[in-house]
Amino acid sequence: MSEENEEQFEEITSEEVDRVVAQLETLIESTTSENIRSYLEEAMNEVYYLVYEEEAEEEMSDEEWDSEIEASGEGEEDVSEAA
């Protein structure tokens, strides 16, 4: 049972996250396809927030979070059928 819990709660270091984010940034810069860049940016953000989510939340104002949500499309509603 102890081994099972260790697998569920893997510790991720900030050094590893920083390294992976830096490599993804380099890959994004060398990618010409906007679709691929979008997926890579999303992956980079997900990796970044594995360690830095709480710090980022504290640093970002409500307005910045709103614009972040709009950019990700999470805050959008489908109003096409409402008309």
N, C-alpha and C. Protein backbone atom coordinates (compact mmCIF):
# COMPACT_ATOMS: atom_id res chain seq x y z
N MET A 1 0.83 -1.19 0.00
CA MET A 1 0.00 0.00 0.00
C MET A 1 0.86 1.25 0.00
N SER A 2 1.95 1.23 0.72
CA SER A 2 2.84 2.39 0.79
C SER A 2 3.43 2.70 -0.58
N GLU A 3 3.80 1.66 -1.31
CA GLU A 3 4.36 1.85 -2.65
C GLU A 3 3.32 2.47 -3.58
N GLU A 4 2.06 2.09 -3.42
CA GLU A 4 0.98 2.63 -4.23
C GLU A 4 0.81 4.13 -3.98
N ASN A 5 0.89 4.56 -2.74
CA ASN A 5 0.78 5.98 -2.40
C ASN A 5 1.93 6.78 -2.96
N GLU A 6 3.12 6.21 -2.98
CA GLU A 6 4.28 6.91 -3.53
C GLU A 6 4.08 7.20 -5.01
N GLU A 7 3.47 6.28 -5.73
CA GLU A 7 3.23 6.49 -7.15
C GLU A 7 2.19 7.59 -7.38
N GLN A 8 1.22 7.70 -6.52
CA GLN A 8 0.18 8.70 -6.68
C GLN A 8 0.68 10.10 -6.35
N PHE A 9 1.63 10.22 -5.45
CA PHE A 9 2.10 11.52 -5.00
C PHE A 9 3.57 11.72 -5.37
N GLU A 10 3.84 11.71 -6.65
CA GLU A 10 5.20 11.91 -7.15
C GLU A 10 5.63 13.34 -6.88
N GLU A 11 6.83 13.50 -6.33
CA GLU A 11 7.34 14.84 -6.08
C GLU A 11 8.01 15.35 -7.34
N ILE A 12 7.60 16.53 -7.76
CA ILE A 12 8.16 17.15 -8.96
C ILE A 12 8.95 18.37 -8.50
N THR A 13 10.20 18.43 -8.89
CA THR A 13 11.05 19.52 -8.44
C THR A 13 10.92 20.73 -9.36
N SER A 14 11.15 21.90 -8.79
CA SER A 14 11.09 23.12 -9.60
C SER A 14 12.23 23.14 -10.62
N GLU A 15 13.34 22.50 -10.31
CA GLU A 15 14.45 22.45 -11.26
C GLU A 15 14.06 21.68 -12.52
N GLU A 16 13.35 20.56 -12.32
CA GLU A 16 12.91 19.77 -13.47
C GLU A 16 11.88 20.54 -14.29
N VAL A 17 10.95 21.19 -13.62
CA VAL A 17 9.94 21.99 -14.31
C VAL A 17 10.61 23.10 -15.10
N ASP A 18 11.54 23.81 -14.48
CA ASP A 18 12.25 24.89 -15.17
C ASP A 18 12.97 24.39 -16.41
N ARG A 19 13.60 23.23 -16.29
CA ARG A 19 14.34 22.65 -17.42
C ARG A 19 13.39 22.30 -18.57
N VAL A 20 12.28 21.66 -18.25
CA VAL A 20 11.31 21.24 -19.28
C VAL A 20 10.66 22.46 -19.93
N VAL A 21 10.30 23.46 -19.11
CA VAL A 21 9.69 24.68 -19.66
C VAL A 21 10.66 25.38 -20.60
N ALA A 22 11.93 25.45 -20.23
CA ALA A 22 12.93 26.08 -21.09
C ALA A 22 13.06 25.34 -22.42
N GLN A 23 13.04 24.02 -22.37
CA GLN A 23 13.14 23.23 -23.60
C GLN A 23 11.89 23.42 -24.47
N LEU A 24 10.74 23.48 -23.84
CA LEU A 24 9.51 23.71 -24.61
C LEU A 24 9.50 25.11 -25.23
N GLU A 25 10.01 26.11 -24.51
CA GLU A 25 10.10 27.46 -25.07
C GLU A 25 10.98 27.47 -26.30
N THR A 26 12.10 26.77 -26.24
CA THR A 26 13.00 26.68 -27.39
C THR A 26 12.30 25.99 -28.56
N LEU A 27 11.58 24.94 -28.28
CA LEU A 27 10.85 24.22 -29.33
C LEU A 27 9.77 25.09 -29.94
N ILE A 28 9.06 25.84 -29.10
CA ILE A 28 8.01 26.74 -29.58
C ILE A 28 8.59 27.79 -30.52
N GLU A 29 9.73 28.34 -30.15
CA GLU A 29 10.37 29.37 -30.98
C GLU A 29 10.77 28.84 -32.35
N SER A 30 11.05 27.55 -32.44
CA SER A 30 11.49 26.98 -33.71
C SER A 30 10.35 26.35 -34.51
N THR A 31 9.13 26.46 -34.02
CA THR A 31 7.97 25.85 -34.67
C THR A 31 7.22 26.90 -35.49
N THR A 32 6.92 26.58 -36.73
CA THR A 32 6.23 27.52 -37.59
C THR A 32 4.72 27.33 -37.60
N SER A 33 4.24 26.12 -37.34
CA SER A 33 2.81 25.84 -37.35
C SER A 33 2.15 26.46 -36.12
N GLU A 34 1.14 27.29 -36.35
CA GLU A 34 0.42 27.92 -35.25
C GLU A 34 -0.32 26.88 -34.41
N ASN A 35 -0.85 25.85 -35.04
CA ASN A 35 -1.56 24.80 -34.31
C ASN A 35 -0.62 24.06 -33.36
N ILE A 36 0.54 23.69 -33.86
CA ILE A 36 1.51 22.99 -33.02
C ILE A 36 2.00 23.91 -31.92
N ARG A 37 2.27 25.17 -32.25
CA ARG A 37 2.71 26.13 -31.22
C ARG A 37 1.67 26.24 -30.11
N SER A 38 0.41 26.26 -30.48
CA SER A 38 -0.66 26.36 -29.49
C SER A 38 -0.64 25.17 -28.53
N TYR A 39 -0.49 23.97 -29.08
CA TYR A 39 -0.43 22.77 -28.24
C TYR A 39 0.80 22.79 -27.34
N LEU A 40 1.93 23.21 -27.90
CA LEU A 40 3.15 23.27 -27.11
C LEU A 40 3.05 24.30 -25.98
N GLU A 41 2.44 25.45 -26.27
CA GLU A 41 2.26 26.47 -25.24
C GLU A 41 1.34 25.97 -24.13
N GLU A 42 0.30 25.26 -24.52
CA GLU A 42 -0.62 24.69 -23.53
C GLU A 42 0.12 23.68 -22.65
N ALA A 43 0.93 22.82 -23.28
CA ALA A 43 1.71 21.83 -22.52
C ALA A 43 2.70 22.53 -21.59
N MET A 44 3.33 23.58 -22.08
CA MET A 44 4.29 24.33 -21.27
C MET A 44 3.60 24.92 -20.04
N ASN A 45 2.41 25.48 -20.22
CA ASN A 45 1.66 26.05 -19.11
C ASN A 45 1.27 24.98 -18.10
N GLU A 46 0.83 23.83 -18.58
CA GLU A 46 0.45 22.74 -17.69
C GLU A 46 1.63 22.27 -16.86
N VAL A 47 2.80 22.13 -17.48
CA VAL A 47 4.00 21.71 -16.77
C VAL A 47 4.39 22.77 -15.75
N TYR A 48 4.35 24.03 -16.15
CA TYR A 48 4.71 25.13 -15.26
C TYR A 48 3.84 25.14 -14.01
N TYR A 49 2.53 24.95 -14.19
CA TYR A 49 1.61 25.03 -13.07
C TYR A 49 1.67 23.81 -12.15
N LEU A 50 2.39 22.76 -12.54
CA LEU A 50 2.57 21.63 -11.64
C LEU A 50 3.27 22.07 -10.35
N VAL A 51 4.16 23.04 -10.47
CA VAL A 51 4.93 23.49 -9.31
C VAL A 51 4.57 24.91 -8.91
N TYR A 52 4.28 25.75 -9.88
CA TYR A 52 4.16 27.19 -9.62
C TYR A 52 2.73 27.71 -9.57
N GLU A 53 1.75 26.85 -9.55
CA GLU A 53 0.35 27.30 -9.61
C GLU A 53 0.00 28.24 -8.47
N GLU A 54 0.33 27.88 -7.24
CA GLU A 54 -0.02 28.73 -6.09
C GLU A 54 0.69 30.07 -6.16
N GLU A 55 1.96 30.06 -6.52
CA GLU A 55 2.71 31.31 -6.62
C GLU A 55 2.13 32.19 -7.72
N ALA A 56 1.77 31.59 -8.84
CA ALA A 56 1.22 32.35 -9.97
C ALA A 56 -0.12 32.95 -9.59
N GLU A 57 -0.93 32.21 -8.87
CA GLU A 57 -2.23 32.72 -8.45
C GLU A 57 -2.07 33.93 -7.55
N GLU A 58 -1.09 33.89 -6.66
CA GLU A 58 -0.87 34.99 -5.74
C GLU A 58 -0.36 36.23 -6.48
N GLU A 59 0.43 36.03 -7.52
CA GLU A 59 1.03 37.14 -8.24
C GLU A 59 0.08 37.78 -9.25
N MET A 60 -0.84 36.99 -9.80
CA MET A 60 -1.73 37.50 -10.84
C MET A 60 -2.94 38.17 -10.21
N SER A 61 -3.30 39.31 -10.74
CA SER A 61 -4.50 39.98 -10.27
C SER A 61 -5.72 39.31 -10.87
N ASP A 62 -6.90 39.66 -10.37
CA ASP A 62 -8.14 39.09 -10.92
C ASP A 62 -8.29 39.39 -12.40
N GLU A 63 -7.92 40.59 -12.80
CA GLU A 63 -8.03 40.97 -14.21
C GLU A 63 -7.13 40.11 -15.08
N GLU A 64 -5.93 39.83 -14.61
CA GLU A 64 -5.01 38.98 -15.37
C GLU A 64 -5.56 37.58 -15.48
N TRP A 65 -6.15 37.03 -14.40
CA TRP A 65 -6.73 35.70 -14.46
C TRP A 65 -7.89 35.66 -15.44
N ASP A 66 -8.72 36.72 -15.46
CA ASP A 66 -9.83 36.78 -16.40
C ASP A 66 -9.34 36.72 -17.84
N SER A 67 -8.29 37.49 -18.14
CA SER A 67 -7.76 37.48 -19.51
C SER A 67 -7.11 36.13 -19.82
N GLU A 68 -6.52 35.48 -18.83
CA GLU A 68 -5.92 34.16 -19.01
C GLU A 68 -7.01 33.13 -19.33
N ILE A 69 -8.12 33.21 -18.62
CA ILE A 69 -9.23 32.28 -18.86
C ILE A 69 -9.83 32.51 -20.24
N GLU A 70 -10.02 33.77 -20.62
CA GLU A 70 -10.55 34.08 -21.95
C GLU A 70 -9.64 33.55 -23.03
N ALA A 71 -8.32 33.70 -22.85
CA ALA A 71 -7.36 33.23 -23.85
C ALA A 71 -7.41 31.72 -24.00
N SER A 72 -7.69 31.01 -22.90
CA SER A 72 -7.72 29.56 -22.97
C SER A 72 -9.06 29.04 -23.47
N GLY A 73 -10.07 29.92 -23.51
CA GLY A 73 -11.38 29.52 -24.01
C GLY A 73 -12.26 28.89 -22.96
N GLU A 74 -11.79 28.80 -21.70
CA GLU A 74 -12.56 28.16 -20.65
C GLU A 74 -13.76 29.00 -20.23
N GLY A 75 -13.65 30.30 -20.35
CA GLY A 75 -14.73 31.17 -19.89
C GLY A 75 -15.77 31.47 -20.94
N GLU A 76 -15.62 30.89 -22.14
CA GLU A 76 -16.54 31.22 -23.23
C GLU A 76 -17.82 30.40 -23.12
N GLU A 77 -18.91 31.03 -23.47
CA GLU A 77 -20.18 30.35 -23.53
C GLU A 77 -20.64 30.29 -24.98
N ASP A 78 -21.36 29.25 -25.33
CA ASP A 78 -21.90 29.12 -26.67
C ASP A 78 -23.26 29.83 -26.69
N VAL A 79 -23.29 31.01 -27.29
CA VAL A 79 -24.53 31.79 -27.35
C VAL A 79 -25.17 31.70 -28.72
N SER A 80 -24.62 30.90 -29.62
CA SER A 80 -25.15 30.81 -30.97
C SER A 80 -26.58 30.26 -30.99
N GLU A 81 -26.92 29.37 -30.07
CA GLU A 81 -28.25 28.79 -30.04
C GLU A 81 -29.23 29.64 -29.26
N ALA A 82 -28.74 30.62 -28.49
CA ALA A 82 -29.60 31.44 -27.67
C ALA A 82 -30.38 32.47 -28.51
N ALA A 83 -29.90 32.76 -29.69
CA ALA A 83 -30.55 33.79 -30.52
C ALA A 83 -31.80 33.32 -31.18
